[in-house]
Amino acid sequence: MTIPSTYDFETLPEAVSFYTRKVAKICQTCDYSIHNELMRFKKELHELINREYDPAAF
């Protein structure tokens, strides 16, 4: 199983939603075989969040 890149999603909320659903599914099935793919996605997600983050918005 291959997890897509965060850059394949049009918006940040879509990427976060996908990640949340995927983690929940993996935890329910105890399928840790895609751990490395999931960690890659998480790293990309954090990079995307950091790019979108605007400290002036707070």
Protein backbone atom coordinates (compact mmCIF):
# COMPACT_ATOMS: atom_id res chain seq x y z
CA MET A 1 0.00 0.00 0.00
CA THR A 2 1.30 3.42 -0.93
CA ILE A 3 0.17 6.62 0.71
CA PRO A 4 -0.05 9.67 -1.59
CA SER A 5 1.99 12.79 -1.04
CA THR A 6 0.50 15.69 0.89
CA TYR A 7 1.14 17.76 -2.21
CA ASP A 8 -1.43 15.64 -4.07
CA PHE A 9 -4.22 17.27 -2.04
CA GLU A 10 -5.68 20.62 -3.08
CA THR A 11 -6.02 22.02 0.44
CA LEU A 12 -4.37 21.56 3.81
CA PRO A 13 -7.64 20.48 5.51
CA GLU A 14 -8.01 17.68 2.94
CA ALA A 15 -4.51 16.41 3.72
CA VAL A 16 -5.09 16.59 7.48
CA SER A 17 -8.41 14.79 7.12
CA PHE A 18 -6.80 12.02 5.07
CA TYR A 19 -3.99 11.60 7.62
CA THR A 20 -6.45 11.46 10.53
CA ARG A 21 -8.63 8.84 8.83
CA LYS A 22 -5.60 6.77 7.84
CA VAL A 23 -4.15 6.76 11.37
CA ALA A 24 -7.52 5.77 12.84
CA LYS A 25 -7.85 2.91 10.35
CA ILE A 26 -4.34 1.65 11.05
CA CYS A 27 -4.90 1.77 14.80
CA GLN A 28 -8.17 -0.17 14.48
CA THR A 29 -6.66 -2.91 12.34
CA CYS A 30 -3.22 -2.94 14.00
CA ASP A 31 -1.68 -2.83 10.52
CA TYR A 32 1.71 -1.25 11.09
CA SER A 33 3.17 -2.45 7.80
CA ILE A 34 2.90 1.04 6.27
CA HIS A 35 4.57 2.82 9.19
CA ASN A 36 7.38 4.28 7.06
CA GLU A 37 4.93 5.58 4.45
CA LEU A 38 2.80 7.13 7.19
CA MET A 39 5.83 8.84 8.76
CA ARG A 40 6.81 10.24 5.34
CA PHE A 41 3.31 11.64 4.93
CA LYS A 42 3.42 13.12 8.44
CA LYS A 43 6.74 14.84 7.69
CA GLU A 44 5.35 16.30 4.45
CA LEU A 45 2.21 17.37 6.28
CA HIS A 46 4.25 19.30 8.85
CA GLU A 47 6.20 20.97 6.05
CA LEU A 48 2.93 22.00 4.40
CA ILE A 49 1.51 23.29 7.69
CA ASN A 50 4.64 25.34 8.32
CA ARG A 51 4.35 26.91 4.87
CA GLU A 52 0.69 27.76 5.41
CA TYR A 53 1.20 29.06 8.97
CA ASP A 54 0.93 32.80 9.31
CA PRO A 55 1.90 34.10 12.77
CA ALA A 56 0.26 37.43 11.96
CA ALA A 57 -3.10 35.66 11.81
CA PHE A 58 -3.20 35.29 15.59
